[in-house]
Amino acid sequence: MKKIFSLFIIVPFVVFSQSEWIEVDSKDFMNTIREFEQTIQLDESYSMETTYDIFKNYSDILPVQSVHGKLTCRNGKELNVSQMGFFMIQDEKYNLTIDTLNQQIIVQKPDSSLFYRKTINDVAAFSEITEAVYKKEVLGKTLYSLELKSGYPYHAIEFEFLSKEIISQIIIYSNQPYRVEDYTQESDKARIVINFKNLKKGIRVSLKDFVETADLIVVKAKEFHAIGKYKDYEVIDLRN
């Protein structure tokens, strides 16, 4: 329900194109991720738009569901994230998730992993969950495919880089079906395609509609109460 990412790699048109997957060391992928993270300053604002296309099976052409989302980070410390029908807000004190379907506001502790930046020490941990890492370059794009070890909900994850600053697409190959009402079969294995666009940084980021936790809740007698447009929502405190 949380966490979203963005990234990019500029390759000259005349550069040799490796159109077949080749196996590479996991350090190759981790170094690319770390290089991207360094393009955004720790206290910098940024935003991006997302589209989630969910397919019933790996080979399906038409998605069973398509949803749009957006992520806005203010000063590298606060988040507004709309995705998959939920709206998440995080600051230094709280993480709030607004569930409009069930009319609930979920209060949790801030998730520090949303701002965590990879270190060289993460390479070993990453290697523990991957069976193999593959890479190819096609038409100026650099793609990585991470094949995960058995026991994880996903079989593989693909990343498409257009430059150092943006991952334009992430494709997730699930080991289980995406449940859509009555016609989902247990043999189905979902594919989720996440597209990222319109990455903006610094002064280009619009913050005029940025929502703060104080716009949604107040604390009275050590209890949370919803206010404003969500004043009738149930507030659930999951911090303990």
C-alpha atoms as a PDB file:
ATOM      1  CA  MET A   1       0.000   0.000   0.000  1.00  0.00           C
ATOM      2  CA  LYS A   2       3.073   2.177   0.198  1.00  0.00           C
ATOM      3  CA  LYS A   3       6.270   2.765  -1.376  1.00  0.00           C
ATOM      4  CA  ILE A   4       6.833   3.844  -4.671  1.00  0.00           C
ATOM      5  CA  PHE A   5      10.191   4.453  -6.605  1.00  0.00           C
ATOM      6  CA  SER A   6      11.589   6.494  -9.651  1.00  0.00           C
ATOM      7  CA  LEU A   7      14.835   6.429 -11.795  1.00  0.00           C
ATOM      8  CA  PHE A   8      17.012   6.937 -15.548  1.00  0.00           C
ATOM      9  CA  ILE A   9      20.473   6.231 -18.055  1.00  0.00           C
ATOM     10  CA  ILE A  10      21.281   8.212 -21.217  1.00  0.00           C
ATOM     11  CA  VAL A  11      22.874   6.033 -23.900  1.00  0.00           C
ATOM     12  CA  PRO A  12      24.045   7.639 -27.190  1.00  0.00           C
ATOM     13  CA  PHE A  13      22.171   6.373 -30.242  1.00  0.00           C
ATOM     14  CA  VAL A  14      25.324   4.964 -31.823  1.00  0.00           C
ATOM     15  CA  VAL A  15      26.265   2.895 -28.782  1.00  0.00           C
ATOM     16  CA  PHE A  16      26.333  -0.900 -29.199  1.00  0.00           C
ATOM     17  CA  SER A  17      22.995  -2.436 -28.194  1.00  0.00           C
ATOM     18  CA  GLN A  18      23.031  -5.719 -26.274  1.00  0.00           C
ATOM     19  CA  SER A  19      19.525  -7.006 -27.027  1.00  0.00           C
ATOM     20  CA  GLU A  20      19.915 -10.361 -25.275  1.00  0.00           C
ATOM     21  CA  TRP A  21      19.792 -10.876 -21.517  1.00  0.00           C
ATOM     22  CA  ILE A  22      23.218 -11.502 -19.981  1.00  0.00           C
ATOM     23  CA  GLU A  23      23.791 -12.503 -16.374  1.00  0.00           C
ATOM     24  CA  VAL A  24      25.608  -9.881 -14.273  1.00  0.00           C
ATOM     25  CA  ASP A  25      26.766  -9.561 -10.689  1.00  0.00           C
ATOM     26  CA  SER A  26      24.170  -8.179  -8.282  1.00  0.00           C
ATOM     27  CA  LYS A  27      26.602  -5.325  -7.531  1.00  0.00           C
ATOM     28  CA  ASP A  28      25.956  -4.020 -11.046  1.00  0.00           C
ATOM     29  CA  PHE A  29      22.264  -3.448 -10.311  1.00  0.00           C
ATOM     30  CA  MET A  30      22.828  -2.132  -6.777  1.00  0.00           C
ATOM     31  CA  ASN A  31      25.399   0.379  -8.022  1.00  0.00           C
ATOM     32  CA  THR A  32      22.871   1.626 -10.589  1.00  0.00           C
ATOM     33  CA  ILE A  33      20.246   2.098  -7.867  1.00  0.00           C
ATOM     34  CA  ARG A  34      22.729   3.915  -5.650  1.00  0.00           C
ATOM     35  CA  GLU A  35      23.764   6.143  -8.547  1.00  0.00           C
ATOM     36  CA  PHE A  36      20.129   7.112  -9.075  1.00  0.00           C
ATOM     37  CA  GLU A  37      19.564   7.882  -5.388  1.00  0.00           C
ATOM     38  CA  GLN A  38      22.495  10.279  -5.444  1.00  0.00           C
ATOM     39  CA  THR A  39      20.826  12.369  -8.185  1.00  0.00           C
ATOM     40  CA  ILE A  40      18.257  13.555  -5.610  1.00  0.00           C
ATOM     41  CA  GLN A  41      19.539  15.634  -2.700  1.00  0.00           C
ATOM     42  CA  LEU A  42      18.530  14.505   0.796  1.00  0.00           C
ATOM     43  CA  ASP A  43      16.472  17.661   1.444  1.00  0.00           C
ATOM     44  CA  GLU A  44      15.127  18.064  -2.104  1.00  0.00           C
ATOM     45  CA  SER A  45      11.460  17.987  -3.113  1.00  0.00           C
ATOM     46  CA  TYR A  46      10.409  15.710  -5.989  1.00  0.00           C
ATOM     47  CA  SER A  47       7.264  14.340  -7.589  1.00  0.00           C
ATOM     48  CA  MET A  48       6.200  11.814 -10.224  1.00  0.00           C
ATOM     49  CA  GLU A  49       3.085  10.247 -11.726  1.00  0.00           C
ATOM     50  CA  THR A  50       2.458   6.492 -11.846  1.00  0.00           C
ATOM     51  CA  THR A  51       0.230   4.072 -13.712  1.00  0.00           C
ATOM     52  CA  TYR A  52      -0.426   0.514 -12.507  1.00  0.00           C
ATOM     53  CA  ASP A  53      -1.585  -1.995 -15.128  1.00  0.00           C
ATOM     54  CA  ILE A  54      -2.487  -5.353 -13.570  1.00  0.00           C
ATOM     55  CA  PHE A  55      -2.656  -8.412 -15.816  1.00  0.00           C
ATOM     56  CA  LYS A  56      -4.307 -11.701 -14.903  1.00  0.00           C
ATOM     57  CA  ASN A  57      -1.426 -13.749 -16.353  1.00  0.00           C
ATOM     58  CA  TYR A  58       2.131 -13.071 -17.510  1.00  0.00           C
ATOM     59  CA  SER A  59       1.229 -13.341 -21.219  1.00  0.00           C
ATOM     60  CA  ASP A  60      -2.042 -11.363 -21.169  1.00  0.00           C
ATOM     61  CA  ILE A  61      -2.251  -8.284 -23.406  1.00  0.00           C
ATOM     62  CA  LEU A  62      -5.190  -6.490 -21.788  1.00  0.00           C
ATOM     63  CA  PRO A  63      -5.060  -5.565 -18.073  1.00  0.00           C
ATOM     64  CA  VAL A  64      -7.871  -6.505 -15.702  1.00  0.00           C
ATOM     65  CA  GLN A  65      -7.289  -3.269 -13.817  1.00  0.00           C
ATOM     66  CA  SER A  66      -5.513   0.013 -14.542  1.00  0.00           C
ATOM     67  CA  VAL A  67      -5.051   2.758 -11.933  1.00  0.00           C
ATOM     68  CA  HIS A  68      -3.220   6.062 -11.813  1.00  0.00           C
ATOM     69  CA  GLY A  69      -1.254   7.464  -8.907  1.00  0.00           C
ATOM     70  CA  LYS A  70       1.108  10.222  -7.845  1.00  0.00           C
ATOM     71  CA  LEU A  71       3.941  10.670  -5.363  1.00  0.00           C
ATOM     72  CA  THR A  72       5.069  14.033  -3.993  1.00  0.00           C
ATOM     73  CA  CYS A  73       7.921  14.404  -1.510  1.00  0.00           C
ATOM     74  CA  ARG A  74       8.383  17.757   0.252  1.00  0.00           C
ATOM     75  CA  ASN A  75      11.911  18.698   1.313  1.00  0.00           C
ATOM     76  CA  GLY A  76      12.961  15.043   1.412  1.00  0.00           C
ATOM     77  CA  LYS A  77      11.042  14.491   4.658  1.00  0.00           C
ATOM     78  CA  GLU A  78       7.275  14.424   3.986  1.00  0.00           C
ATOM     79  CA  LEU A  79       5.241  12.356   1.532  1.00  0.00           C
ATOM     80  CA  ASN A  80       1.889  12.403  -0.210  1.00  0.00           C
ATOM     81  CA  VAL A  81       1.261   9.156  -2.133  1.00  0.00           C
ATOM     82  CA  SER A  82      -1.868   8.237  -4.082  1.00  0.00           C
ATOM     83  CA  GLN A  83      -1.860   4.670  -5.371  1.00  0.00           C
ATOM     84  CA  MET A  84      -4.093   1.622  -5.725  1.00  0.00           C
ATOM     85  CA  GLY A  85      -7.098   3.421  -4.252  1.00  0.00           C
ATOM     86  CA  PHE A  86      -5.313   4.644  -1.112  1.00  0.00           C
ATOM     87  CA  PHE A  87      -3.870   8.002  -0.056  1.00  0.00           C
ATOM     88  CA  MET A  88      -0.840   7.928   2.233  1.00  0.00           C
ATOM     89  CA  ILE A  89       0.670  10.874   4.105  1.00  0.00           C
ATOM     90  CA  GLN A  90       3.870  10.735   6.112  1.00  0.00           C
ATOM     91  CA  ASP A  91       5.799  13.276   8.163  1.00  0.00           C
ATOM     92  CA  GLU A  92       8.336  12.968  10.969  1.00  0.00           C
ATOM     93  CA  LYS A  93       5.648  12.000  13.526  1.00  0.00           C
ATOM     94  CA  TYR A  94       3.010   9.909  11.736  1.00  0.00           C
ATOM     95  CA  ASN A  95       2.216   7.749   8.746  1.00  0.00           C
ATOM     96  CA  LEU A  96      -1.464   8.031   7.787  1.00  0.00           C
ATOM     97  CA  THR A  97      -3.276   5.881   5.233  1.00  0.00           C
ATOM     98  CA  ILE A  98      -6.714   7.026   4.094  1.00  0.00           C
ATOM     99  CA  ASP A  99      -8.972   4.161   3.004  1.00  0.00           C
ATOM    100  CA  THR A 100     -11.897   5.843   1.265  1.00  0.00           C
ATOM    101  CA  LEU A 101     -13.696   2.551   0.558  1.00  0.00           C
ATOM    102  CA  ASN A 102     -13.961   1.630   4.240  1.00  0.00           C
ATOM    103  CA  GLN A 103     -13.889   5.242   5.455  1.00  0.00           C
ATOM    104  CA  GLN A 104     -10.931   4.710   7.752  1.00  0.00           C
ATOM    105  CA  ILE A 105      -7.718   6.532   8.608  1.00  0.00           C
ATOM    106  CA  ILE A 106      -4.928   4.199   9.695  1.00  0.00           C
ATOM    107  CA  VAL A 107      -2.303   5.798  11.965  1.00  0.00           C
ATOM    108  CA  GLN A 108       1.154   4.205  12.082  1.00  0.00           C
ATOM    109  CA  LYS A 109       4.680   5.193  12.986  1.00  0.00           C
ATOM    110  CA  PRO A 110       6.686   6.801  10.156  1.00  0.00           C
ATOM    111  CA  ASP A 111       8.263   4.239   7.840  1.00  0.00           C
ATOM    112  CA  SER A 112      11.934   5.214   7.625  1.00  0.00           C
ATOM    113  CA  SER A 113      12.494   2.748   4.760  1.00  0.00           C
ATOM    114  CA  LEU A 114      10.602   5.123   2.448  1.00  0.00           C
ATOM    115  CA  PHE A 115      13.620   7.438   2.573  1.00  0.00           C
ATOM    116  CA  TYR A 116      16.338   4.846   3.104  1.00  0.00           C
ATOM    117  CA  ARG A 117      19.288   5.020   0.707  1.00  0.00           C
ATOM    118  CA  LYS A 118      21.220   1.922  -0.230  1.00  0.00           C
ATOM    119  CA  THR A 119      24.773   1.434   1.014  1.00  0.00           C
ATOM    120  CA  ILE A 120      27.513  -0.926  -0.127  1.00  0.00           C
ATOM    121  CA  ASN A 121      26.538  -3.156   2.809  1.00  0.00           C
ATOM    122  CA  ASP A 122      23.149  -3.779   1.187  1.00  0.00           C
ATOM    123  CA  VAL A 123      24.746  -5.686  -1.685  1.00  0.00           C
ATOM    124  CA  ALA A 124      25.208  -8.813   0.431  1.00  0.00           C
ATOM    125  CA  ALA A 125      21.633  -8.679   1.742  1.00  0.00           C
ATOM    126  CA  PHE A 126      20.301  -8.166  -1.778  1.00  0.00           C
ATOM    127  CA  SER A 127      22.265 -11.164  -3.022  1.00  0.00           C
ATOM    128  CA  GLU A 128      20.524 -13.327  -0.417  1.00  0.00           C
ATOM    129  CA  ILE A 129      17.105 -12.883  -2.037  1.00  0.00           C
ATOM    130  CA  THR A 130      18.096 -13.068  -5.729  1.00  0.00           C
ATOM    131  CA  GLU A 131      18.737 -16.237  -7.675  1.00  0.00           C
ATOM    132  CA  ALA A 132      20.229 -14.299 -10.584  1.00  0.00           C
ATOM    133  CA  VAL A 133      20.420 -10.786 -12.066  1.00  0.00           C
ATOM    134  CA  TYR A 134      20.255 -10.201 -15.818  1.00  0.00           C
ATOM    135  CA  LYS A 135      20.875  -7.091 -17.910  1.00  0.00           C
ATOM    136  CA  LYS A 136      20.360  -5.919 -21.483  1.00  0.00           C
ATOM    137  CA  GLU A 137      20.452  -2.663 -23.434  1.00  0.00           C
ATOM    138  CA  VAL A 138      17.918  -1.913 -26.167  1.00  0.00           C
ATOM    139  CA  LEU A 139      17.338   1.343 -28.053  1.00  0.00           C
ATOM    140  CA  GLY A 140      18.989   3.511 -25.428  1.00  0.00           C
ATOM    141  CA  LYS A 141      17.308   1.760 -22.512  1.00  0.00           C
ATOM    142  CA  THR A 142      19.052  -0.295 -19.834  1.00  0.00           C
ATOM    143  CA  LEU A 143      16.995  -3.137 -18.401  1.00  0.00           C
ATOM    144  CA  TYR A 144      17.602  -5.370 -15.388  1.00  0.00           C
ATOM    145  CA  SER A 145      15.727  -8.555 -14.531  1.00  0.00           C
ATOM    146  CA  LEU A 146      15.946  -9.810 -10.955  1.00  0.00           C
ATOM    147  CA  GLU A 147      15.049 -13.466 -10.556  1.00  0.00           C
ATOM    148  CA  LEU A 148      14.103 -14.039  -6.926  1.00  0.00           C
ATOM    149  CA  LYS A 149      14.713 -17.189  -4.908  1.00  0.00           C
ATOM    150  CA  SER A 150      11.796 -19.494  -4.106  1.00  0.00           C
ATOM    151  CA  GLY A 151       9.654 -18.607  -1.119  1.00  0.00           C
ATOM    152  CA  TYR A 152       8.990 -14.999  -2.139  1.00  0.00           C
ATOM    153  CA  PRO A 153       5.621 -13.753  -3.453  1.00  0.00           C
ATOM    154  CA  TYR A 154       7.289 -12.580  -6.672  1.00  0.00           C
ATOM    155  CA  HIS A 155       9.100 -14.693  -9.254  1.00  0.00           C
ATOM    156  CA  ALA A 156      10.957 -11.820 -10.897  1.00  0.00           C
ATOM    157  CA  ILE A 157      11.102  -8.012 -11.121  1.00  0.00           C
ATOM    158  CA  GLU A 158      12.238  -6.049 -14.169  1.00  0.00           C
ATOM    159  CA  PHE A 159      13.512  -2.446 -14.097  1.00  0.00           C
ATOM    160  CA  GLU A 160      13.721  -0.222 -17.191  1.00  0.00           C
ATOM    161  CA  PHE A 161      16.133   2.743 -16.950  1.00  0.00           C
ATOM    162  CA  LEU A 162      16.044   5.623 -19.412  1.00  0.00           C
ATOM    163  CA  SER A 163      18.766   7.661 -17.697  1.00  0.00           C
ATOM    164  CA  LYS A 164      20.477   8.060 -14.332  1.00  0.00           C
ATOM    165  CA  GLU A 165      17.480   9.930 -12.960  1.00  0.00           C
ATOM    166  CA  ILE A 166      14.435   7.781 -13.769  1.00  0.00           C
ATOM    167  CA  ILE A 167      13.233   4.212 -13.826  1.00  0.00           C
ATOM    168  CA  SER A 168      10.564   4.524 -16.467  1.00  0.00           C
ATOM    169  CA  GLN A 169       8.993   1.143 -15.774  1.00  0.00           C
ATOM    170  CA  ILE A 170       8.943  -1.712 -13.265  1.00  0.00           C
ATOM    171  CA  ILE A 171       7.355  -5.064 -14.108  1.00  0.00           C
ATOM    172  CA  ILE A 172       6.512  -7.501 -11.309  1.00  0.00           C
ATOM    173  CA  TYR A 173       5.913 -11.184 -12.078  1.00  0.00           C
ATOM    174  CA  SER A 174       3.931 -12.651  -9.209  1.00  0.00           C
ATOM    175  CA  ASN A 175       3.897 -16.254  -7.996  1.00  0.00           C
ATOM    176  CA  GLN A 176       0.215 -15.967  -7.193  1.00  0.00           C
ATOM    177  CA  PRO A 177      -3.014 -14.734  -8.812  1.00  0.00           C
ATOM    178  CA  TYR A 178      -4.349 -11.210  -8.596  1.00  0.00           C
ATOM    179  CA  ARG A 179      -7.848 -11.762  -7.278  1.00  0.00           C
ATOM    180  CA  VAL A 180     -10.588 -10.072  -9.292  1.00  0.00           C
ATOM    181  CA  GLU A 181     -14.015 -11.221  -8.180  1.00  0.00           C
ATOM    182  CA  ASP A 182     -15.116 -14.672  -9.332  1.00  0.00           C
ATOM    183  CA  TYR A 183     -13.123 -15.406 -12.482  1.00  0.00           C
ATOM    184  CA  THR A 184      -9.657 -15.685 -10.981  1.00  0.00           C
ATOM    185  CA  GLN A 185      -8.127 -19.175 -11.178  1.00  0.00           C
ATOM    186  CA  GLU A 186      -5.601 -20.462  -8.663  1.00  0.00           C
ATOM    187  CA  SER A 187      -3.272 -21.233 -11.581  1.00  0.00           C
ATOM    188  CA  ASP A 188      -3.170 -17.569 -12.617  1.00  0.00           C
ATOM    189  CA  LYS A 189       0.060 -15.670 -11.983  1.00  0.00           C
ATOM    190  CA  ALA A 190      -0.344 -11.914 -12.122  1.00  0.00           C
ATOM    191  CA  ARG A 191       1.892  -9.428 -13.895  1.00  0.00           C
ATOM    192  CA  ILE A 192       1.955  -5.845 -12.625  1.00  0.00           C
ATOM    193  CA  VAL A 193       3.377  -3.111 -14.863  1.00  0.00           C
ATOM    194  CA  ILE A 194       4.199   0.182 -13.148  1.00  0.00           C
ATOM    195  CA  ASN A 195       4.992   3.151 -15.385  1.00  0.00           C
ATOM    196  CA  PHE A 196       6.619   6.334 -14.078  1.00  0.00           C
ATOM    197  CA  LYS A 197       6.525   9.715 -15.807  1.00  0.00           C
ATOM    198  CA  ASN A 198       6.831  13.469 -15.258  1.00  0.00           C
ATOM    199  CA  LEU A 199       9.598  13.328 -12.673  1.00  0.00           C
ATOM    200  CA  LYS A 200      10.136  16.815 -11.271  1.00  0.00           C
ATOM    201  CA  LYS A 201      12.665  18.020  -8.729  1.00  0.00           C
ATOM    202  CA  GLY A 202      13.359  21.100  -6.660  1.00  0.00           C
ATOM    203  CA  ILE A 203      11.501  24.306  -7.509  1.00  0.00           C
ATOM    204  CA  ARG A 204       9.657  22.590 -10.383  1.00  0.00           C
ATOM    205  CA  VAL A 205       7.595  20.579  -7.880  1.00  0.00           C
ATOM    206  CA  SER A 206       4.114  21.976  -7.179  1.00  0.00           C
ATOM    207  CA  LEU A 207       3.369  21.895  -3.434  1.00  0.00           C
ATOM    208  CA  LYS A 208       0.257  24.094  -3.392  1.00  0.00           C
ATOM    209  CA  ASP A 209      -2.045  21.089  -2.833  1.00  0.00           C
ATOM    210  CA  PHE A 210       0.313  19.224  -0.476  1.00  0.00           C
ATOM    211  CA  VAL A 211      -1.649  17.656   2.389  1.00  0.00           C
ATOM    212  CA  GLU A 212      -0.260  17.596   5.943  1.00  0.00           C
ATOM    213  CA  THR A 213      -1.199  15.186   8.734  1.00  0.00           C
ATOM    214  CA  ALA A 214      -2.580  18.173  10.671  1.00  0.00           C
ATOM    215  CA  ASP A 215      -5.160  18.601   7.885  1.00  0.00           C
ATOM    216  CA  LEU A 216      -6.608  15.166   8.696  1.00  0.00           C
ATOM    217  CA  ILE A 217      -6.298  14.468  12.413  1.00  0.00           C
ATOM    218  CA  VAL A 218      -6.029  16.154  15.785  1.00  0.00           C
ATOM    219  CA  VAL A 219      -5.096  14.651  19.154  1.00  0.00           C
ATOM    220  CA  LYS A 220      -7.524  15.228  22.033  1.00  0.00           C
ATOM    221  CA  ALA A 221      -7.080  13.533  25.408  1.00  0.00           C
ATOM    222  CA  LYS A 222      -4.406  11.315  23.828  1.00  0.00           C
ATOM    223  CA  GLU A 223      -6.874  10.082  21.190  1.00  0.00           C
ATOM    224  CA  PHE A 224      -6.906  10.752  17.454  1.00  0.00           C
ATOM    225  CA  HIS A 225      -9.899  12.438  15.863  1.00  0.00           C
ATOM    226  CA  ALA A 226     -10.508  12.917  12.144  1.00  0.00           C
ATOM    227  CA  ILE A 227     -11.206  16.460  10.932  1.00  0.00           C
ATOM    228  CA  GLY A 228     -12.048  18.308   7.747  1.00  0.00           C
ATOM    229  CA  LYS A 229     -13.383  16.318   4.787  1.00  0.00           C
ATOM    230  CA  TYR A 230     -12.638  13.069   6.650  1.00  0.00           C
ATOM    231  CA  LYS A 231     -14.316  14.049   9.941  1.00  0.00           C
ATOM    232  CA  ASP A 232     -16.714  11.075   9.766  1.00  0.00           C
ATOM    233  CA  TYR A 233     -13.939   8.522   9.173  1.00  0.00           C
ATOM    234  CA  GLU A 234     -12.979   5.958  11.794  1.00  0.00           C
ATOM    235  CA  VAL A 235      -9.426   6.467  13.086  1.00  0.00           C
ATOM    236  CA  ILE A 236      -7.436   3.296  13.857  1.00  0.00           C
ATOM    237  CA  ASP A 237      -4.183   3.658  15.793  1.00  0.00           C
ATOM    238  CA  LEU A 238      -1.704   0.862  14.918  1.00  0.00           C
ATOM    239  CA  ARG A 239       1.422   2.417  16.418  1.00  0.00           C
ATOM    240  CA  ASN A 240       1.738  -0.159  19.209  1.00  0.00           C
END
